[in-house]
Amino acid sequence: MTRAIIFLTLLLPFFGCDELEELLEEEIDVPISFQGFLHVESATVGDPSDPVSITSDFAVYNFENDPEVAELLGDPSEITEIKIKRIRYLFQNFEGNSDANVVGGFEALIGPVGGTQIFDGVQTHLESADANNTLFLLEDDFSNLNEHMTEFHSIGIRYVGSASDNPVIFDVDITVEAVVTIKPDLDNF
């Protein structure tokens, strides 16, 4: 916020007050990305070739606290829209049954009452994906998720799915790319 005030003060001699106010009434799109590490560990179940369900803990992100957003934000109500563009992920630190394939995706939890939404990922051989640092992209229709994030300004994400063999232990390195739209309120300066 401090940099924004300094910048606007520097512009004052070049623009009249009306022009400066008109500039400030424009919405500002702030591209951001945030990273999380989701740890998955299955139990050993019966025969090693038995499938198992897998779930990580939630990684939670609050858009108001993002440094790029917080610098421009006078009040949380100035956030007019949040849009996830895509999710990049890769599997790391694999241990366990080398035959294991994983089928899964991401469950997004939106705010305290925004509900959940599942985004399907791909089926892949865990050991190979880890060894080759295979990067996966999830470019889906995030419109329902985006609508609720705009209201609650936060998201929780976890990995859910199943592994074809057990046991498995791995991390999902996830990066979420988003755009936060802010309409500054002049009264908050």
N, C-alpha and C. Protein backbone atom coordinates (compact mmCIF):
# COMPACT_ATOMS: atom_id res chain seq x y z
N MET A 1 0.83 -1.18 0.00
CA MET A 1 0.00 0.00 0.00
C MET A 1 0.87 1.24 0.00
N THR A 2 2.02 1.22 0.72
CA THR A 2 2.91 2.36 0.81
C THR A 2 3.44 2.74 -0.56
N ARG A 3 3.87 1.72 -1.34
CA ARG A 3 4.37 2.01 -2.68
C ARG A 3 3.29 2.63 -3.55
N ALA A 4 2.06 2.18 -3.40
CA ALA A 4 0.96 2.74 -4.20
C ALA A 4 0.74 4.21 -3.87
N ILE A 5 0.81 4.58 -2.60
CA ILE A 5 0.62 5.97 -2.19
C ILE A 5 1.75 6.83 -2.73
N ILE A 6 2.98 6.36 -2.63
CA ILE A 6 4.13 7.10 -3.16
C ILE A 6 3.97 7.30 -4.66
N PHE A 7 3.60 6.23 -5.36
CA PHE A 7 3.42 6.31 -6.80
C PHE A 7 2.35 7.34 -7.16
N LEU A 8 1.24 7.31 -6.45
CA LEU A 8 0.15 8.24 -6.74
C LEU A 8 0.55 9.68 -6.42
N THR A 9 1.33 9.88 -5.38
CA THR A 9 1.82 11.21 -5.04
C THR A 9 2.72 11.75 -6.14
N LEU A 10 3.54 10.88 -6.71
CA LEU A 10 4.41 11.29 -7.81
C LEU A 10 3.63 11.64 -9.07
N LEU A 11 2.49 11.00 -9.27
CA LEU A 11 1.66 11.28 -10.44
C LEU A 11 0.86 12.57 -10.32
N LEU A 12 0.63 13.03 -9.12
CA LEU A 12 -0.23 14.20 -8.89
C LEU A 12 0.17 15.41 -9.72
N PRO A 13 1.47 15.79 -9.84
CA PRO A 13 1.82 16.96 -10.65
C PRO A 13 1.52 16.78 -12.14
N PHE A 14 1.49 15.55 -12.63
CA PHE A 14 1.29 15.30 -14.05
C PHE A 14 -0.19 15.19 -14.42
N PHE A 15 -1.01 14.87 -13.47
CA PHE A 15 -2.44 14.74 -13.71
C PHE A 15 -3.19 15.67 -12.77
N GLY A 16 -4.33 16.11 -13.21
CA GLY A 16 -5.19 16.85 -12.32
C GLY A 16 -5.87 15.88 -11.37
N CYS A 17 -6.50 16.39 -10.36
CA CYS A 17 -7.17 15.52 -9.38
C CYS A 17 -8.24 14.65 -10.04
N ASP A 18 -8.98 15.23 -11.00
CA ASP A 18 -10.03 14.45 -11.66
C ASP A 18 -9.45 13.28 -12.44
N GLU A 19 -8.35 13.53 -13.17
CA GLU A 19 -7.72 12.47 -13.95
C GLU A 19 -7.15 11.39 -13.03
N LEU A 20 -6.56 11.83 -11.93
CA LEU A 20 -5.99 10.86 -10.98
C LEU A 20 -7.09 10.02 -10.35
N GLU A 21 -8.19 10.64 -10.00
CA GLU A 21 -9.30 9.90 -9.42
C GLU A 21 -9.86 8.89 -10.41
N GLU A 22 -9.94 9.31 -11.70
CA GLU A 22 -10.42 8.41 -12.74
C GLU A 22 -9.48 7.21 -12.90
N LEU A 23 -8.17 7.47 -12.82
CA LEU A 23 -7.19 6.38 -12.88
C LEU A 23 -7.39 5.39 -11.73
N LEU A 24 -7.66 5.95 -10.55
CA LEU A 24 -7.80 5.10 -9.36
C LEU A 24 -9.10 4.31 -9.35
N GLU A 25 -10.09 4.74 -10.13
CA GLU A 25 -11.35 4.03 -10.17
C GLU A 25 -11.28 2.78 -11.04
N GLU A 26 -10.20 2.60 -11.75
CA GLU A 26 -10.01 1.41 -12.58
C GLU A 26 -9.70 0.21 -11.69
N GLU A 27 -10.11 -0.94 -12.15
CA GLU A 27 -9.78 -2.17 -11.44
C GLU A 27 -8.36 -2.59 -11.81
N ILE A 28 -7.70 -3.19 -10.86
CA ILE A 28 -6.32 -3.63 -11.05
C ILE A 28 -6.28 -5.15 -10.97
N ASP A 29 -5.75 -5.80 -12.01
CA ASP A 29 -5.56 -7.25 -11.99
C ASP A 29 -4.17 -7.56 -11.46
N VAL A 30 -4.12 -8.39 -10.43
CA VAL A 30 -2.85 -8.76 -9.81
C VAL A 30 -2.62 -10.25 -10.05
N PRO A 31 -1.71 -10.60 -10.97
CA PRO A 31 -1.41 -12.03 -11.17
C PRO A 31 -0.56 -12.54 -10.01
N ILE A 32 -0.96 -13.67 -9.46
CA ILE A 32 -0.21 -14.26 -8.35
C ILE A 32 -0.08 -15.76 -8.58
N SER A 33 0.84 -16.36 -7.85
CA SER A 33 0.91 -17.82 -7.79
C SER A 33 1.34 -18.19 -6.38
N PHE A 34 0.86 -19.30 -5.93
CA PHE A 34 1.26 -19.79 -4.62
C PHE A 34 1.50 -21.28 -4.70
N GLN A 35 2.40 -21.73 -3.84
CA GLN A 35 2.85 -23.12 -3.89
C GLN A 35 2.54 -23.81 -2.57
N GLY A 36 2.25 -25.09 -2.68
CA GLY A 36 2.01 -25.90 -1.49
C GLY A 36 2.56 -27.30 -1.69
N PHE A 37 2.80 -27.97 -0.59
CA PHE A 37 3.28 -29.35 -0.64
C PHE A 37 2.28 -30.21 0.12
N LEU A 38 1.69 -31.15 -0.60
CA LEU A 38 0.66 -32.01 -0.02
C LEU A 38 1.26 -33.39 0.20
N HIS A 39 1.35 -33.81 1.44
CA HIS A 39 1.95 -35.10 1.78
C HIS A 39 0.88 -36.19 1.79
N VAL A 40 1.18 -37.30 1.11
CA VAL A 40 0.26 -38.43 1.03
C VAL A 40 0.97 -39.67 1.55
N GLU A 41 0.31 -40.39 2.43
CA GLU A 41 0.88 -41.63 2.97
C GLU A 41 -0.25 -42.63 3.15
N SER A 42 -0.13 -43.76 2.45
CA SER A 42 -1.18 -44.79 2.58
C SER A 42 -0.77 -45.80 3.64
N ALA A 43 -1.75 -46.48 4.11
CA ALA A 43 -1.49 -47.58 5.04
C ALA A 43 -1.11 -48.82 4.24
N THR A 44 -0.42 -49.75 4.87
CA THR A 44 -0.18 -51.05 4.26
C THR A 44 -1.44 -51.88 4.47
N VAL A 45 -2.01 -52.36 3.35
CA VAL A 45 -3.28 -53.06 3.42
C VAL A 45 -3.14 -54.43 2.78
N GLY A 46 -3.40 -55.49 3.54
CA GLY A 46 -3.42 -56.85 3.00
C GLY A 46 -2.29 -57.15 2.05
N ASP A 47 -2.64 -57.52 0.85
CA ASP A 47 -1.69 -57.86 -0.21
C ASP A 47 -1.12 -56.56 -0.81
N PRO A 48 0.19 -56.52 -1.12
CA PRO A 48 0.77 -55.30 -1.72
C PRO A 48 0.13 -54.89 -3.05
N SER A 49 -0.56 -55.80 -3.71
CA SER A 49 -1.20 -55.44 -4.97
C SER A 49 -2.64 -54.95 -4.78
N ASP A 50 -3.08 -54.82 -3.53
CA ASP A 50 -4.42 -54.30 -3.26
C ASP A 50 -4.43 -52.77 -3.41
N PRO A 51 -5.48 -52.24 -4.02
CA PRO A 51 -5.59 -50.77 -4.13
C PRO A 51 -5.91 -50.14 -2.78
N VAL A 52 -5.53 -48.88 -2.63
CA VAL A 52 -5.81 -48.13 -1.39
C VAL A 52 -6.27 -46.72 -1.74
N SER A 53 -7.13 -46.19 -0.90
CA SER A 53 -7.53 -44.79 -1.03
C SER A 53 -6.45 -43.92 -0.41
N ILE A 54 -6.24 -42.75 -1.00
CA ILE A 54 -5.22 -41.83 -0.49
C ILE A 54 -5.80 -40.42 -0.38
N THR A 55 -5.38 -39.71 0.64
CA THR A 55 -5.83 -38.33 0.87
C THR A 55 -4.72 -37.58 1.60
N SER A 56 -4.48 -36.36 1.17
CA SER A 56 -3.52 -35.50 1.88
C SER A 56 -4.29 -34.58 2.82
N ASP A 57 -3.56 -33.84 3.65
CA ASP A 57 -4.17 -32.77 4.42
C ASP A 57 -4.45 -31.60 3.49
N PHE A 58 -5.26 -30.66 3.94
CA PHE A 58 -5.54 -29.46 3.16
C PHE A 58 -4.39 -28.47 3.29
N ALA A 59 -4.03 -27.84 2.20
CA ALA A 59 -3.18 -26.65 2.21
C ALA A 59 -4.12 -25.48 2.03
N VAL A 60 -4.05 -24.49 2.90
CA VAL A 60 -4.99 -23.37 2.87
C VAL A 60 -4.26 -22.10 2.47
N TYR A 61 -4.90 -21.31 1.61
CA TYR A 61 -4.32 -20.05 1.16
C TYR A 61 -5.36 -18.94 1.25
N ASN A 62 -4.96 -17.81 1.87
CA ASN A 62 -5.82 -16.65 1.99
C ASN A 62 -5.30 -15.57 1.04
N PHE A 63 -6.09 -15.19 0.06
CA PHE A 63 -5.66 -14.24 -0.97
C PHE A 63 -5.41 -12.85 -0.40
N GLU A 64 -6.10 -12.47 0.67
CA GLU A 64 -5.89 -11.16 1.28
C GLU A 64 -4.47 -11.02 1.82
N ASN A 65 -3.86 -12.14 2.21
CA ASN A 65 -2.52 -12.10 2.80
C ASN A 65 -1.40 -12.23 1.78
N ASP A 66 -1.73 -12.41 0.51
CA ASP A 66 -0.70 -12.48 -0.51
C ASP A 66 0.03 -11.13 -0.54
N PRO A 67 1.37 -11.13 -0.52
CA PRO A 67 2.10 -9.85 -0.48
C PRO A 67 1.74 -8.89 -1.61
N GLU A 68 1.57 -9.41 -2.82
CA GLU A 68 1.24 -8.56 -3.97
C GLU A 68 -0.15 -7.93 -3.81
N VAL A 69 -1.08 -8.70 -3.26
CA VAL A 69 -2.45 -8.22 -3.07
C VAL A 69 -2.50 -7.28 -1.87
N ALA A 70 -1.89 -7.68 -0.76
CA ALA A 70 -1.94 -6.88 0.47
C ALA A 70 -1.38 -5.48 0.26
N GLU A 71 -0.39 -5.36 -0.61
CA GLU A 71 0.22 -4.06 -0.88
C GLU A 71 -0.76 -3.07 -1.50
N LEU A 72 -1.72 -3.57 -2.25
CA LEU A 72 -2.69 -2.71 -2.93
C LEU A 72 -4.04 -2.63 -2.23
N LEU A 73 -4.23 -3.49 -1.25
CA LEU A 73 -5.55 -3.65 -0.63
C LEU A 73 -5.69 -2.75 0.59
N GLY A 74 -6.70 -1.88 0.56
CA GLY A 74 -7.00 -1.08 1.73
C GLY A 74 -8.00 -1.78 2.63
N ASP A 75 -8.90 -2.54 2.01
CA ASP A 75 -9.96 -3.24 2.73
C ASP A 75 -10.30 -4.49 1.93
N PRO A 76 -10.58 -5.61 2.59
CA PRO A 76 -10.91 -6.84 1.87
C PRO A 76 -12.07 -6.71 0.88
N SER A 77 -12.98 -5.77 1.13
CA SER A 77 -14.12 -5.59 0.23
C SER A 77 -13.69 -5.06 -1.14
N GLU A 78 -12.45 -4.61 -1.28
CA GLU A 78 -11.95 -4.10 -2.55
C GLU A 78 -11.64 -5.22 -3.54
N ILE A 79 -11.58 -6.46 -3.06
CA ILE A 79 -11.39 -7.60 -3.97
C ILE A 79 -12.72 -7.85 -4.68
N THR A 80 -12.70 -7.69 -6.01
CA THR A 80 -13.95 -7.84 -6.78
C THR A 80 -14.03 -9.19 -7.48
N GLU A 81 -12.89 -9.85 -7.67
CA GLU A 81 -12.91 -11.14 -8.36
C GLU A 81 -11.60 -11.88 -8.11
N ILE A 82 -11.71 -13.20 -8.01
CA ILE A 82 -10.54 -14.07 -7.93
C ILE A 82 -10.75 -15.18 -8.95
N LYS A 83 -9.76 -15.37 -9.81
CA LYS A 83 -9.87 -16.40 -10.85
C LYS A 83 -8.64 -17.29 -10.82
N ILE A 84 -8.86 -18.58 -10.66
CA ILE A 84 -7.76 -19.54 -10.84
C ILE A 84 -7.62 -19.77 -12.33
N LYS A 85 -6.39 -19.67 -12.81
CA LYS A 85 -6.11 -19.87 -14.23
C LYS A 85 -5.72 -21.32 -14.50
N ARG A 86 -4.81 -21.85 -13.67
CA ARG A 86 -4.42 -23.25 -13.83
C ARG A 86 -3.68 -23.72 -12.57
N ILE A 87 -3.57 -25.04 -12.48
CA ILE A 87 -2.85 -25.68 -11.38
C ILE A 87 -1.77 -26.55 -12.01
N ARG A 88 -0.54 -26.34 -11.57
CA ARG A 88 0.58 -27.18 -12.01
C ARG A 88 0.97 -28.06 -10.82
N TYR A 89 1.31 -29.30 -11.12
CA TYR A 89 1.71 -30.18 -10.01
C TYR A 89 2.65 -31.26 -10.51
N LEU A 90 3.43 -31.77 -9.56
CA LEU A 90 4.28 -32.93 -9.83
C LEU A 90 4.40 -33.76 -8.57
N PHE A 91 4.74 -35.03 -8.79
CA PHE A 91 4.87 -35.97 -7.67
C PHE A 91 6.34 -36.06 -7.29
N GLN A 92 6.62 -36.00 -5.99
CA GLN A 92 8.00 -36.02 -5.50
C GLN A 92 8.13 -36.95 -4.31
N ASN A 93 9.38 -37.31 -4.02
CA ASN A 93 9.74 -38.06 -2.81
C ASN A 93 8.97 -39.37 -2.67
N PHE A 94 8.81 -40.07 -3.80
CA PHE A 94 8.05 -41.33 -3.78
C PHE A 94 8.82 -42.42 -3.04
N GLU A 95 8.10 -43.15 -2.20
CA GLU A 95 8.59 -44.35 -1.54
C GLU A 95 7.45 -45.35 -1.55
N GLY A 96 7.79 -46.63 -1.58
CA GLY A 96 6.75 -47.64 -1.48
C GLY A 96 6.77 -48.61 -2.64
N ASN A 97 5.62 -49.15 -2.93
CA ASN A 97 5.45 -50.19 -3.93
C ASN A 97 5.72 -49.61 -5.32
N SER A 98 6.77 -50.10 -5.98
CA SER A 98 7.19 -49.54 -7.26
C SER A 98 6.19 -49.82 -8.40
N ASP A 99 5.21 -50.68 -8.17
CA ASP A 99 4.19 -50.95 -9.19
C ASP A 99 3.02 -49.96 -9.12
N ALA A 100 3.02 -49.10 -8.14
CA ALA A 100 1.84 -48.26 -7.87
C ALA A 100 1.59 -47.21 -8.94
N ASN A 101 0.37 -47.22 -9.42
CA ASN A 101 -0.17 -46.14 -10.26
C ASN A 101 -1.14 -45.37 -9.38
N VAL A 102 -1.23 -44.09 -9.63
CA VAL A 102 -2.16 -43.28 -8.85
C VAL A 102 -3.18 -42.66 -9.80
N VAL A 103 -4.42 -42.65 -9.34
CA VAL A 103 -5.51 -41.96 -10.03
C VAL A 103 -6.08 -41.01 -8.99
N GLY A 104 -6.06 -39.73 -9.31
CA GLY A 104 -6.55 -38.79 -8.32
C GLY A 104 -6.75 -37.42 -8.90
N GLY A 105 -6.99 -36.49 -8.00
CA GLY A 105 -7.20 -35.11 -8.39
C GLY A 105 -7.19 -34.25 -7.16
N PHE A 106 -7.74 -33.07 -7.29
CA PHE A 106 -7.69 -32.11 -6.20
C PHE A 106 -9.10 -31.77 -5.74
N GLU A 107 -9.25 -31.74 -4.43
CA GLU A 107 -10.50 -31.31 -3.82
C GLU A 107 -10.26 -29.91 -3.29
N ALA A 108 -11.09 -28.97 -3.73
CA ALA A 108 -10.97 -27.59 -3.28
C ALA A 108 -12.10 -27.29 -2.30
N LEU A 109 -11.73 -26.71 -1.17
CA LEU A 109 -12.68 -26.28 -0.15
C LEU A 109 -12.69 -24.76 -0.17
N ILE A 110 -13.86 -24.18 -0.32
CA ILE A 110 -13.96 -22.74 -0.48
C ILE A 110 -14.67 -22.12 0.72
N GLY A 111 -13.94 -21.33 1.49
CA GLY A 111 -14.53 -20.62 2.61
C GLY A 111 -15.22 -21.54 3.60
N PRO A 112 -15.85 -20.98 4.60
CA PRO A 112 -16.48 -21.80 5.63
C PRO A 112 -17.74 -22.54 5.15
N VAL A 113 -18.45 -21.99 4.15
CA VAL A 113 -19.67 -22.63 3.69
C VAL A 113 -19.75 -22.70 2.17
N GLY A 114 -18.65 -22.50 1.49
CA GLY A 114 -18.66 -22.49 0.03
C GLY A 114 -18.71 -23.86 -0.61
N GLY A 115 -18.58 -24.90 0.21
CA GLY A 115 -18.64 -26.25 -0.33
C GLY A 115 -17.31 -26.71 -0.91
N THR A 116 -17.34 -27.89 -1.54
CA THR A 116 -16.13 -28.44 -2.14
C THR A 116 -16.38 -28.71 -3.62
N GLN A 117 -15.29 -28.82 -4.33
CA GLN A 117 -15.34 -29.14 -5.74
C GLN A 117 -14.13 -30.02 -6.06
N ILE A 118 -14.34 -31.05 -6.88
CA ILE A 118 -13.27 -31.98 -7.25
C ILE A 118 -12.81 -31.67 -8.67
N PHE A 119 -11.50 -31.64 -8.86
CA PHE A 119 -10.90 -31.48 -10.18
C PHE A 119 -10.04 -32.69 -10.45
N ASP A 120 -10.41 -33.45 -11.49
CA ASP A 120 -9.70 -34.68 -11.79
C ASP A 120 -8.32 -34.41 -12.37
N GLY A 121 -7.35 -35.19 -11.88
CA GLY A 121 -6.01 -35.15 -12.42
C GLY A 121 -5.84 -36.28 -13.41
N VAL A 122 -4.65 -36.83 -13.48
CA VAL A 122 -4.35 -37.89 -14.44
C VAL A 122 -4.00 -39.18 -13.71
N GLN A 123 -4.02 -40.29 -14.45
CA GLN A 123 -3.50 -41.54 -13.93
C GLN A 123 -2.04 -41.61 -14.33
N THR A 124 -1.18 -41.95 -13.38
CA THR A 124 0.24 -42.01 -13.70
C THR A 124 0.96 -43.01 -12.80
N HIS A 125 2.08 -43.48 -13.28
CA HIS A 125 2.94 -44.37 -12.51
C HIS A 125 3.78 -43.48 -11.59
N LEU A 126 3.61 -43.63 -10.28
CA LEU A 126 4.22 -42.73 -9.31
C LEU A 126 5.75 -42.70 -9.39
N GLU A 127 6.36 -43.88 -9.40
CA GLU A 127 7.83 -43.94 -9.39
C GLU A 127 8.41 -43.24 -10.62
N SER A 128 7.81 -43.47 -11.80
CA SER A 128 8.29 -42.84 -13.03
C SER A 128 8.06 -41.33 -13.02
N ALA A 129 6.89 -40.91 -12.57
CA ALA A 129 6.57 -39.48 -12.53
C ALA A 129 7.54 -38.73 -11.62
N ASP A 130 7.89 -39.34 -10.49
CA ASP A 130 8.85 -38.72 -9.58
C ASP A 130 10.25 -38.70 -10.19
N ALA A 131 10.70 -39.83 -10.73
CA ALA A 131 12.05 -39.93 -11.29
C ALA A 131 12.26 -38.98 -12.47
N ASN A 132 11.20 -38.77 -13.27
CA ASN A 132 11.31 -37.92 -14.45
C ASN A 132 10.88 -36.47 -14.21
N ASN A 133 10.51 -36.15 -12.97
CA ASN A 133 10.01 -34.80 -12.65
C ASN A 133 8.92 -34.37 -13.63
N THR A 134 7.98 -35.25 -13.88
CA THR A 134 6.91 -34.98 -14.83
C THR A 134 5.98 -33.90 -14.29
N LEU A 135 5.81 -32.84 -15.06
CA LEU A 135 4.94 -31.73 -14.67
C LEU A 135 3.56 -31.95 -15.29
N PHE A 136 2.53 -31.87 -14.47
CA PHE A 136 1.15 -32.02 -14.93
C PHE A 136 0.44 -30.67 -14.82
N LEU A 137 -0.42 -30.38 -15.79
CA LEU A 137 -1.20 -29.14 -15.79
C LEU A 137 -2.67 -29.47 -15.67
N LEU A 138 -3.35 -28.74 -14.85
CA LEU A 138 -4.79 -28.86 -14.71
C LEU A 138 -5.38 -27.52 -15.13
N GLU A 139 -5.97 -27.50 -16.31
CA GLU A 139 -6.62 -26.31 -16.83
C GLU A 139 -8.08 -26.69 -17.04
N ASP A 140 -8.89 -26.37 -16.08
CA ASP A 140 -10.26 -26.84 -16.01
C ASP A 140 -11.21 -25.65 -16.00
N ASP A 141 -12.49 -25.93 -15.91
CA ASP A 141 -13.47 -24.87 -15.71
C ASP A 141 -13.54 -24.60 -14.21
N PHE A 142 -12.91 -23.53 -13.79
CA PHE A 142 -12.86 -23.18 -12.37
C PHE A 142 -13.93 -22.16 -12.00
N SER A 143 -14.92 -21.93 -12.87
CA SER A 143 -15.87 -20.83 -12.67
C SER A 143 -16.64 -20.93 -11.35
N ASN A 144 -17.13 -22.10 -10.98
CA ASN A 144 -17.86 -22.24 -9.72
C ASN A 144 -16.93 -21.96 -8.54
N LEU A 145 -15.74 -22.48 -8.61
CA LEU A 145 -14.75 -22.25 -7.56
C LEU A 145 -14.41 -20.76 -7.48
N ASN A 146 -14.18 -20.13 -8.61
CA ASN A 146 -13.84 -18.71 -8.65
C ASN A 146 -14.93 -17.85 -8.02
N GLU A 147 -16.18 -18.20 -8.31
CA GLU A 147 -17.31 -17.43 -7.77
C GLU A 147 -17.29 -17.43 -6.24
N HIS A 148 -17.06 -18.59 -5.65
CA HIS A 148 -17.04 -18.69 -4.18
C HIS A 148 -15.78 -18.08 -3.58
N MET A 149 -14.65 -18.20 -4.27
CA MET A 149 -13.41 -17.60 -3.74
C MET A 149 -13.53 -16.09 -3.69
N THR A 150 -14.22 -15.50 -4.65
CA THR A 150 -14.41 -14.05 -4.66
C THR A 150 -15.17 -13.63 -3.41
N GLU A 151 -16.07 -14.46 -2.94
CA GLU A 151 -16.83 -14.15 -1.73
C GLU A 151 -16.02 -14.39 -0.46
N PHE A 152 -15.25 -15.49 -0.40
CA PHE A 152 -14.59 -15.88 0.85
C PHE A 152 -13.10 -15.55 0.89
N HIS A 153 -12.47 -15.27 -0.24
CA HIS A 153 -11.06 -14.85 -0.33
C HIS A 153 -10.06 -15.90 0.13
N SER A 154 -10.47 -17.15 0.23
CA SER A 154 -9.53 -18.19 0.63
C SER A 154 -9.88 -19.51 -0.05
N ILE A 155 -8.92 -20.42 -0.03
CA ILE A 155 -9.13 -21.74 -0.63
C ILE A 155 -8.31 -22.76 0.15
N GLY A 156 -8.87 -23.94 0.28
CA GLY A 156 -8.14 -25.09 0.81
C GLY A 156 -8.08 -26.13 -0.30
N ILE A 157 -6.91 -26.73 -0.49
CA ILE A 157 -6.75 -27.74 -1.54
C ILE A 157 -6.08 -28.97 -0.94
N ARG A 158 -6.58 -30.14 -1.34
CA ARG A 158 -5.93 -31.38 -0.96
C ARG A 158 -5.97 -32.35 -2.12
N TYR A 159 -5.08 -33.34 -2.07
CA TYR A 159 -5.03 -34.38 -3.10
C TYR A 159 -5.83 -35.57 -2.61
N VAL A 160 -6.71 -36.10 -3.47
CA VAL A 160 -7.52 -37.28 -3.14
C VAL A 160 -7.48 -38.25 -4.31
N GLY A 161 -7.55 -39.53 -4.02
CA GLY A 161 -7.57 -40.51 -5.09
C GLY A 161 -7.33 -41.91 -4.57
N SER A 162 -6.72 -42.72 -5.44
CA SER A 162 -6.40 -44.09 -5.04
C SER A 162 -5.11 -44.51 -5.72
N ALA A 163 -4.43 -45.45 -5.07
CA ALA A 163 -3.21 -46.03 -5.62
C ALA A 163 -3.51 -47.50 -5.92
N SER A 164 -2.98 -47.99 -7.03
CA SER A 164 -3.27 -49.35 -7.47
C SER A 164 -2.60 -50.40 -6.59
N ASP A 165 -1.53 -50.03 -5.93
CA ASP A 165 -0.77 -50.95 -5.08
C ASP A 165 -0.38 -50.21 -3.82
N ASN A 166 0.02 -50.97 -2.79
CA ASN A 166 0.35 -50.33 -1.52
C ASN A 166 1.59 -50.96 -0.90
N PRO A 167 2.22 -50.27 0.01
CA PRO A 167 1.98 -48.91 0.49
C PRO A 167 2.62 -47.87 -0.44
N VAL A 168 2.19 -46.62 -0.32
CA VAL A 168 2.80 -45.51 -1.06
C VAL A 168 2.94 -44.30 -0.13
N ILE A 169 4.04 -43.60 -0.32
CA ILE A 169 4.29 -42.34 0.37
C ILE A 169 4.85 -41.40 -0.69
N PHE A 170 4.28 -40.19 -0.80
CA PHE A 170 4.78 -39.22 -1.76
C PHE A 170 4.26 -37.83 -1.42
N ASP A 171 4.85 -36.84 -2.06
CA ASP A 171 4.40 -35.46 -1.92
C ASP A 171 3.89 -34.98 -3.27
N VAL A 172 2.90 -34.12 -3.23
CA VAL A 172 2.42 -33.44 -4.43
C VAL A 172 2.84 -31.98 -4.29
N ASP A 173 3.73 -31.56 -5.18
CA ASP A 173 4.18 -30.17 -5.21
C ASP A 173 3.22 -29.44 -6.13
N ILE A 174 2.43 -28.54 -5.58
CA ILE A 174 1.35 -27.88 -6.33
C ILE A 174 1.60 -26.38 -6.39
N THR A 175 1.38 -25.82 -7.58
CA THR A 175 1.44 -24.36 -7.76
C THR A 175 0.13 -23.92 -8.41
N VAL A 176 -0.53 -22.99 -7.77
CA VAL A 176 -1.80 -22.47 -8.27
C VAL A 176 -1.55 -21.08 -8.83
N GLU A 177 -1.94 -20.87 -10.08
CA GLU A 177 -1.81 -19.56 -10.72
C GLU A 177 -3.18 -18.91 -10.76
N ALA A 178 -3.26 -17.67 -10.29
CA ALA A 178 -4.54 -16.98 -10.19
C ALA A 178 -4.39 -15.50 -10.51
N VAL A 179 -5.51 -14.84 -10.69
CA VAL A 179 -5.55 -13.39 -10.87
C VAL A 179 -6.56 -12.86 -9.85
N VAL A 180 -6.11 -11.87 -9.07
CA VAL A 180 -6.99 -11.21 -8.10
C VAL A 180 -7.28 -9.81 -8.64
N THR A 181 -8.56 -9.48 -8.77
CA THR A 181 -8.94 -8.16 -9.26
C THR A 181 -9.35 -7.29 -8.07
N ILE A 182 -8.74 -6.11 -8.03
CA ILE A 182 -8.96 -5.17 -6.92
C ILE A 182 -9.47 -3.86 -7.49
N LYS A 183 -10.49 -3.32 -6.86
CA LYS A 183 -10.95 -1.97 -7.19
C LYS A 183 -10.71 -1.11 -5.95
N PRO A 184 -9.60 -0.33 -5.98
CA PRO A 184 -9.26 0.46 -4.79
C PRO A 184 -10.36 1.46 -4.45
N ASP A 185 -10.60 1.61 -3.16
CA ASP A 185 -11.56 2.58 -2.65
C ASP A 185 -10.75 3.80 -2.20
N LEU A 186 -10.99 4.95 -2.81
CA LEU A 186 -10.22 6.16 -2.49
C LEU A 186 -10.34 6.55 -1.04
N ASP A 187 -11.44 6.18 -0.39
CA ASP A 187 -11.61 6.54 1.02
C ASP A 187 -10.67 5.75 1.92
N ASN A 188 -10.08 4.66 1.41
CA ASN A 188 -9.18 3.85 2.23
C ASN A 188 -7.73 4.30 2.11
N PHE A 189 -7.45 5.30 1.29
CA PHE A 189 -6.06 5.79 1.17
C PHE A 189 -5.70 6.69 2.29
